[in-house]
Amino acid sequence: MWQEPKLNWKKVDPINIEDYNRIKNNLAELRETAIRLYPEFSITVNPDKARSDYPYADEINQLEDNLEAIRIHTYPFTTGQRRTYYDNQPYIDWQELNRLESATLLIHDNLQGQAEGKRRLSFRLGGLRL
């Protein structure tokens, strides 16, 4: 289920498990919406993390990979410069979190608009009821 992204990250805001799970699950929701409008494609969705867990660099990279896959398979939205994270190196910062969550909202709003604007016939073709 889509959760409203946090778009006002500040320098002092730490990423917590709820934030990670929200971003991850929003990307999964975007994929579900996208495959109703575009050809089937897959992304990797890891299980939700518990409070005692912490998202590692490879899991943050997976979020970036999923965003890129959705972008490639739907419409080439401008989502900013993608970054790659490594263990024991600088971690995702507030600017990247704003970019990532803004990108998910942009894609979400566009996919919702496409779904709502999809033309439908006001009558059934063929008339047969099976």
N, C-alpha and C. Protein backbone atom coordinates (compact mmCIF):
# COMPACT_ATOMS: atom_id res chain seq x y z
N MET A 1 0.83 -1.17 0.00
CA MET A 1 0.00 0.00 0.00
C MET A 1 0.89 1.25 0.00
N TRP A 2 0.53 2.19 -0.84
CA TRP A 2 1.31 3.42 -0.98
C TRP A 2 1.25 4.24 0.31
N GLN A 3 2.42 4.71 0.74
CA GLN A 3 2.51 5.62 1.89
C GLN A 3 3.11 6.93 1.40
N GLU A 4 2.57 8.02 1.88
CA GLU A 4 3.06 9.33 1.46
C GLU A 4 4.55 9.46 1.79
N PRO A 5 5.39 9.78 0.79
CA PRO A 5 6.83 9.90 1.05
C PRO A 5 7.16 11.15 1.87
N LYS A 6 8.27 11.06 2.56
CA LYS A 6 8.78 12.21 3.31
C LYS A 6 9.62 13.04 2.34
N LEU A 7 9.23 14.28 2.12
CA LEU A 7 9.91 15.12 1.13
C LEU A 7 10.67 16.27 1.77
N ASN A 8 10.73 16.30 3.08
CA ASN A 8 11.38 17.42 3.77
C ASN A 8 12.53 16.94 4.64
N TRP A 9 13.34 16.04 4.10
CA TRP A 9 14.51 15.57 4.85
C TRP A 9 15.44 16.74 5.13
N LYS A 10 16.00 16.75 6.33
CA LYS A 10 16.97 17.77 6.72
C LYS A 10 18.29 17.11 7.07
N LYS A 11 19.33 17.89 7.12
CA LYS A 11 20.67 17.37 7.37
C LYS A 11 20.76 16.57 8.67
N VAL A 12 19.98 16.93 9.65
CA VAL A 12 20.05 16.26 10.96
C VAL A 12 19.13 15.04 11.06
N ASP A 13 18.35 14.76 10.02
CA ASP A 13 17.41 13.63 10.07
C ASP A 13 18.12 12.31 9.78
N PRO A 14 18.05 11.36 10.72
CA PRO A 14 18.61 10.04 10.44
C PRO A 14 17.57 9.19 9.70
N ILE A 15 18.02 8.25 8.88
CA ILE A 15 17.10 7.31 8.27
C ILE A 15 16.86 6.20 9.27
N ASN A 16 15.60 5.89 9.51
CA ASN A 16 15.29 4.79 10.42
C ASN A 16 14.60 3.67 9.65
N ILE A 17 14.29 2.60 10.34
CA ILE A 17 13.72 1.43 9.68
C ILE A 17 12.37 1.74 9.05
N GLU A 18 11.56 2.55 9.69
CA GLU A 18 10.26 2.91 9.11
C GLU A 18 10.44 3.64 7.78
N ASP A 19 11.44 4.50 7.71
CA ASP A 19 11.72 5.22 6.46
C ASP A 19 12.17 4.25 5.37
N TYR A 20 13.10 3.37 5.72
CA TYR A 20 13.59 2.39 4.75
C TYR A 20 12.44 1.52 4.24
N ASN A 21 11.63 0.99 5.16
CA ASN A 21 10.51 0.13 4.77
C ASN A 21 9.50 0.89 3.91
N ARG A 22 9.24 2.16 4.23
CA ARG A 22 8.31 2.97 3.43
C ARG A 22 8.82 3.12 2.00
N ILE A 23 10.09 3.49 1.85
CA ILE A 23 10.65 3.68 0.51
C ILE A 23 10.62 2.37 -0.27
N LYS A 24 11.04 1.29 0.37
CA LYS A 24 11.08 -0.04 -0.27
C LYS A 24 9.68 -0.47 -0.70
N ASN A 25 8.71 -0.31 0.19
CA ASN A 25 7.34 -0.73 -0.12
C ASN A 25 6.68 0.19 -1.14
N ASN A 26 7.01 1.47 -1.14
CA ASN A 26 6.49 2.37 -2.17
C ASN A 26 7.01 1.97 -3.54
N LEU A 27 8.27 1.57 -3.62
CA LEU A 27 8.81 1.12 -4.90
C LEU A 27 8.10 -0.15 -5.37
N ALA A 28 7.79 -1.06 -4.44
CA ALA A 28 7.04 -2.27 -4.79
C ALA A 28 5.64 -1.91 -5.29
N GLU A 29 5.02 -0.93 -4.65
CA GLU A 29 3.70 -0.48 -5.06
C GLU A 29 3.75 0.17 -6.45
N LEU A 30 4.80 0.94 -6.72
CA LEU A 30 4.96 1.54 -8.05
C LEU A 30 5.06 0.47 -9.12
N ARG A 31 5.79 -0.59 -8.83
CA ARG A 31 5.93 -1.69 -9.78
C ARG A 31 4.56 -2.33 -10.05
N GLU A 32 3.77 -2.54 -9.00
CA GLU A 32 2.44 -3.14 -9.16
C GLU A 32 1.54 -2.25 -10.02
N THR A 33 1.61 -0.96 -9.81
CA THR A 33 0.83 -0.02 -10.63
C THR A 33 1.33 -0.02 -12.06
N ALA A 34 2.64 -0.05 -12.23
CA ALA A 34 3.25 0.03 -13.56
C ALA A 34 2.90 -1.18 -14.42
N ILE A 35 2.85 -2.38 -13.83
CA ILE A 35 2.59 -3.56 -14.67
C ILE A 35 1.14 -3.65 -15.12
N ARG A 36 0.27 -2.80 -14.59
CA ARG A 36 -1.09 -2.71 -15.11
C ARG A 36 -1.15 -1.84 -16.36
N LEU A 37 -0.10 -1.04 -16.57
CA LEU A 37 -0.07 -0.11 -17.70
C LEU A 37 1.01 -0.45 -18.73
N TYR A 38 2.04 -1.13 -18.30
CA TYR A 38 3.21 -1.43 -19.14
C TYR A 38 3.49 -2.92 -19.09
N PRO A 39 4.34 -3.42 -20.01
CA PRO A 39 4.69 -4.84 -19.97
C PRO A 39 5.32 -5.24 -18.64
N GLU A 40 5.14 -6.51 -18.31
CA GLU A 40 5.63 -7.09 -17.05
C GLU A 40 7.14 -6.91 -16.91
N PHE A 41 7.58 -6.58 -15.73
CA PHE A 41 9.00 -6.53 -15.38
C PHE A 41 9.10 -6.82 -13.89
N SER A 42 10.29 -7.10 -13.43
CA SER A 42 10.43 -7.44 -12.01
C SER A 42 11.45 -6.53 -11.33
N ILE A 43 11.30 -6.43 -10.03
CA ILE A 43 12.26 -5.76 -9.17
C ILE A 43 12.51 -6.67 -7.98
N THR A 44 13.55 -6.41 -7.24
CA THR A 44 13.85 -7.20 -6.05
C THR A 44 13.33 -6.46 -4.83
N VAL A 45 12.42 -7.12 -4.11
CA VAL A 45 11.85 -6.53 -2.91
C VAL A 45 12.22 -7.41 -1.72
N ASN A 46 13.06 -6.89 -0.86
CA ASN A 46 13.48 -7.62 0.33
C ASN A 46 12.38 -7.55 1.39
N PRO A 47 12.39 -8.48 2.35
CA PRO A 47 11.40 -8.41 3.44
C PRO A 47 11.58 -7.13 4.27
N ASP A 48 10.50 -6.73 4.92
CA ASP A 48 10.59 -5.57 5.82
C ASP A 48 11.63 -5.83 6.90
N LYS A 49 12.27 -4.77 7.30
CA LYS A 49 13.26 -4.87 8.38
C LYS A 49 12.58 -4.58 9.72
N ALA A 50 13.11 -5.19 10.76
CA ALA A 50 12.61 -4.97 12.12
C ALA A 50 13.37 -3.81 12.75
N ARG A 51 12.90 -3.36 13.89
CA ARG A 51 13.54 -2.23 14.58
C ARG A 51 15.01 -2.47 14.89
N SER A 52 15.37 -3.71 15.13
CA SER A 52 16.76 -4.02 15.49
C SER A 52 17.67 -4.10 14.27
N ASP A 53 17.09 -4.08 13.06
CA ASP A 53 17.88 -4.16 11.83
C ASP A 53 18.31 -2.78 11.38
N TYR A 54 19.25 -2.78 10.45
CA TYR A 54 19.73 -1.52 9.89
C TYR A 54 19.97 -1.74 8.40
N PRO A 55 19.50 -0.86 7.53
CA PRO A 55 19.72 -1.05 6.10
C PRO A 55 21.19 -0.85 5.73
N TYR A 56 21.76 -1.83 5.07
CA TYR A 56 23.16 -1.79 4.66
C TYR A 56 23.29 -1.16 3.28
N ALA A 57 24.51 -0.91 2.89
CA ALA A 57 24.79 -0.24 1.61
C ALA A 57 24.17 -1.00 0.44
N ASP A 58 24.29 -2.34 0.43
CA ASP A 58 23.73 -3.10 -0.69
C ASP A 58 22.21 -3.00 -0.74
N GLU A 59 21.56 -2.81 0.39
CA GLU A 59 20.11 -2.66 0.41
C GLU A 59 19.69 -1.27 -0.07
N ILE A 60 20.48 -0.27 0.24
CA ILE A 60 20.22 1.07 -0.30
C ILE A 60 20.44 1.06 -1.81
N ASN A 61 21.48 0.37 -2.26
CA ASN A 61 21.72 0.23 -3.70
C ASN A 61 20.56 -0.48 -4.38
N GLN A 62 19.94 -1.44 -3.68
CA GLN A 62 18.78 -2.15 -4.25
C GLN A 62 17.61 -1.19 -4.45
N LEU A 63 17.43 -0.25 -3.54
CA LEU A 63 16.39 0.77 -3.74
C LEU A 63 16.67 1.56 -5.01
N GLU A 64 17.93 1.94 -5.20
CA GLU A 64 18.32 2.68 -6.41
C GLU A 64 18.09 1.82 -7.66
N ASP A 65 18.44 0.54 -7.59
CA ASP A 65 18.24 -0.38 -8.72
C ASP A 65 16.75 -0.49 -9.06
N ASN A 66 15.91 -0.61 -8.03
CA ASN A 66 14.47 -0.74 -8.26
C ASN A 66 13.89 0.53 -8.87
N LEU A 67 14.32 1.68 -8.39
CA LEU A 67 13.86 2.94 -8.97
C LEU A 67 14.25 3.02 -10.44
N GLU A 68 15.47 2.65 -10.74
CA GLU A 68 15.95 2.68 -12.13
C GLU A 68 15.17 1.69 -13.00
N ALA A 69 14.88 0.50 -12.49
CA ALA A 69 14.12 -0.49 -13.26
C ALA A 69 12.72 0.03 -13.58
N ILE A 70 12.08 0.64 -12.61
CA ILE A 70 10.74 1.19 -12.83
C ILE A 70 10.81 2.31 -13.86
N ARG A 71 11.80 3.16 -13.75
CA ARG A 71 11.98 4.27 -14.69
C ARG A 71 12.21 3.76 -16.10
N ILE A 72 13.06 2.75 -16.24
CA ILE A 72 13.38 2.20 -17.56
C ILE A 72 12.17 1.52 -18.20
N HIS A 73 11.38 0.82 -17.41
CA HIS A 73 10.26 0.05 -17.95
C HIS A 73 8.96 0.83 -18.08
N THR A 74 8.94 2.06 -17.61
CA THR A 74 7.73 2.86 -17.76
C THR A 74 8.00 4.06 -18.66
N TYR A 75 8.50 5.11 -18.08
CA TYR A 75 8.77 6.35 -18.81
C TYR A 75 10.07 6.91 -18.24
N PRO A 76 10.94 7.45 -19.08
CA PRO A 76 12.24 7.92 -18.57
C PRO A 76 12.14 9.23 -17.78
N PHE A 77 11.49 9.14 -16.63
CA PHE A 77 11.37 10.30 -15.75
C PHE A 77 12.76 10.79 -15.34
N THR A 78 12.90 12.08 -15.14
CA THR A 78 14.14 12.63 -14.63
C THR A 78 14.13 12.46 -13.12
N THR A 79 15.03 11.60 -12.63
CA THR A 79 15.03 11.29 -11.19
C THR A 79 16.35 11.67 -10.52
N GLY A 80 17.18 12.42 -11.20
CA GLY A 80 18.43 12.85 -10.60
C GLY A 80 19.55 11.84 -10.80
N GLN A 81 20.72 12.20 -10.31
CA GLN A 81 21.92 11.38 -10.46
C GLN A 81 21.92 10.22 -9.48
N ARG A 82 21.99 9.03 -10.00
CA ARG A 82 22.03 7.83 -9.17
C ARG A 82 23.39 7.68 -8.50
N ARG A 83 23.37 7.26 -7.23
CA ARG A 83 24.63 7.02 -6.51
C ARG A 83 24.72 5.56 -6.11
N THR A 84 25.95 5.10 -5.94
CA THR A 84 26.21 3.75 -5.47
C THR A 84 26.90 3.85 -4.12
N TYR A 85 26.47 3.02 -3.19
CA TYR A 85 27.00 3.05 -1.83
C TYR A 85 27.82 1.80 -1.56
N TYR A 86 28.83 1.95 -0.72
CA TYR A 86 29.74 0.86 -0.39
C TYR A 86 29.85 0.74 1.13
N ASP A 87 30.14 -0.48 1.59
CA ASP A 87 30.34 -0.69 3.02
C ASP A 87 31.49 0.17 3.52
N ASN A 88 31.33 0.68 4.72
CA ASN A 88 32.35 1.49 5.39
C ASN A 88 32.72 2.75 4.63
N GLN A 89 31.78 3.26 3.86
CA GLN A 89 31.94 4.51 3.12
C GLN A 89 30.79 5.44 3.52
N PRO A 90 30.80 6.70 3.10
CA PRO A 90 29.69 7.60 3.44
C PRO A 90 28.34 6.98 3.05
N TYR A 91 27.39 7.12 3.96
CA TYR A 91 26.06 6.52 3.83
C TYR A 91 25.12 7.48 3.12
N ILE A 92 23.95 7.01 2.74
CA ILE A 92 22.96 7.87 2.08
C ILE A 92 22.66 9.08 2.96
N ASP A 93 22.62 10.25 2.35
CA ASP A 93 22.39 11.47 3.13
C ASP A 93 21.00 12.04 2.85
N TRP A 94 20.70 13.13 3.52
CA TRP A 94 19.38 13.72 3.44
C TRP A 94 19.03 14.20 2.03
N GLN A 95 20.02 14.68 1.28
CA GLN A 95 19.76 15.14 -0.08
C GLN A 95 19.37 13.97 -0.98
N GLU A 96 20.06 12.86 -0.82
CA GLU A 96 19.73 11.67 -1.61
C GLU A 96 18.37 11.10 -1.22
N LEU A 97 18.04 11.16 0.06
CA LEU A 97 16.72 10.69 0.49
C LEU A 97 15.62 11.57 -0.09
N ASN A 98 15.84 12.89 -0.12
CA ASN A 98 14.88 13.79 -0.76
C ASN A 98 14.74 13.46 -2.24
N ARG A 99 15.87 13.21 -2.92
CA ARG A 99 15.83 12.87 -4.34
C ARG A 99 15.08 11.56 -4.57
N LEU A 100 15.39 10.56 -3.79
CA LEU A 100 14.77 9.24 -3.94
C LEU A 100 13.27 9.30 -3.68
N GLU A 101 12.87 9.95 -2.61
CA GLU A 101 11.45 10.01 -2.28
C GLU A 101 10.69 10.94 -3.24
N SER A 102 11.31 12.01 -3.69
CA SER A 102 10.67 12.88 -4.69
C SER A 102 10.47 12.13 -6.00
N ALA A 103 11.44 11.31 -6.37
CA ALA A 103 11.33 10.52 -7.60
C ALA A 103 10.19 9.52 -7.50
N THR A 104 10.04 8.87 -6.33
CA THR A 104 8.93 7.91 -6.19
C THR A 104 7.59 8.63 -6.30
N LEU A 105 7.49 9.82 -5.72
CA LEU A 105 6.24 10.58 -5.80
C LEU A 105 5.96 11.01 -7.24
N LEU A 106 6.97 11.47 -7.95
CA LEU A 106 6.81 11.87 -9.35
C LEU A 106 6.29 10.71 -10.19
N ILE A 107 6.90 9.55 -10.05
CA ILE A 107 6.48 8.38 -10.82
C ILE A 107 5.08 7.95 -10.39
N HIS A 108 4.82 7.94 -9.10
CA HIS A 108 3.49 7.56 -8.59
C HIS A 108 2.41 8.45 -9.19
N ASP A 109 2.60 9.76 -9.11
CA ASP A 109 1.59 10.69 -9.61
C ASP A 109 1.37 10.52 -11.11
N ASN A 110 2.45 10.30 -11.86
CA ASN A 110 2.32 10.11 -13.30
C ASN A 110 1.62 8.80 -13.64
N LEU A 111 1.96 7.73 -12.95
CA LEU A 111 1.30 6.44 -13.21
C LEU A 111 -0.18 6.51 -12.84
N GLN A 112 -0.50 7.19 -11.75
CA GLN A 112 -1.90 7.35 -11.36
C GLN A 112 -2.66 8.13 -12.43
N GLY A 113 -2.04 9.18 -12.96
CA GLY A 113 -2.66 9.96 -14.02
C GLY A 113 -2.86 9.15 -15.28
N GLN A 114 -1.88 8.31 -15.62
CA GLN A 114 -2.02 7.45 -16.79
C GLN A 114 -3.14 6.44 -16.60
N ALA A 115 -3.24 5.87 -15.41
CA ALA A 115 -4.28 4.88 -15.13
C ALA A 115 -5.67 5.53 -15.20
N GLU A 116 -5.80 6.72 -14.64
CA GLU A 116 -7.09 7.41 -14.65
C GLU A 116 -7.46 7.91 -16.04
N GLY A 117 -6.47 8.23 -16.86
CA GLY A 117 -6.73 8.74 -18.19
C GLY A 117 -6.88 7.67 -19.26
N LYS A 118 -6.71 6.43 -18.87
CA LYS A 118 -6.81 5.33 -19.82
C LYS A 118 -8.24 5.26 -20.36
N ARG A 119 -8.36 5.21 -21.67
CA ARG A 119 -9.69 5.21 -22.29
C ARG A 119 -10.38 3.87 -22.07
N ARG A 120 -11.67 3.94 -21.80
CA ARG A 120 -12.49 2.74 -21.62
C ARG A 120 -13.76 2.92 -22.45
N LEU A 121 -14.21 1.81 -23.02
CA LEU A 121 -15.48 1.85 -23.74
C LEU A 121 -16.62 1.89 -22.74
N SER A 122 -17.68 2.58 -23.09
CA SER A 122 -18.82 2.68 -22.18
C SER A 122 -19.80 1.52 -22.38
N PHE A 123 -19.45 0.57 -23.26
CA PHE A 123 -20.31 -0.59 -23.49
C PHE A 123 -19.43 -1.81 -23.70
N ARG A 124 -20.02 -2.97 -23.59
CA ARG A 124 -19.30 -4.23 -23.74
C ARG A 124 -19.34 -4.68 -25.20
N LEU A 125 -18.21 -5.05 -25.74
CA LEU A 125 -18.15 -5.57 -27.10
C LEU A 125 -18.55 -7.04 -27.10
N GLY A 126 -19.30 -7.46 -28.10
CA GLY A 126 -19.68 -8.86 -28.22
C GLY A 126 -21.00 -9.19 -27.57
N GLY A 127 -21.30 -8.59 -26.48
CA GLY A 127 -22.59 -8.80 -25.83
C GLY A 127 -22.79 -10.16 -25.20
N LEU A 128 -21.85 -11.08 -25.32
CA LEU A 128 -22.00 -12.41 -24.72
C LEU A 128 -21.63 -12.38 -23.26
N ARG A 129 -22.43 -13.04 -22.48
CA ARG A 129 -22.10 -13.17 -21.05
C ARG A 129 -21.67 -14.60 -20.82
N LEU A 130 -20.52 -14.76 -20.28
CA LEU A 130 -20.00 -16.10 -20.03
C LEU A 130 -20.09 -16.43 -18.57
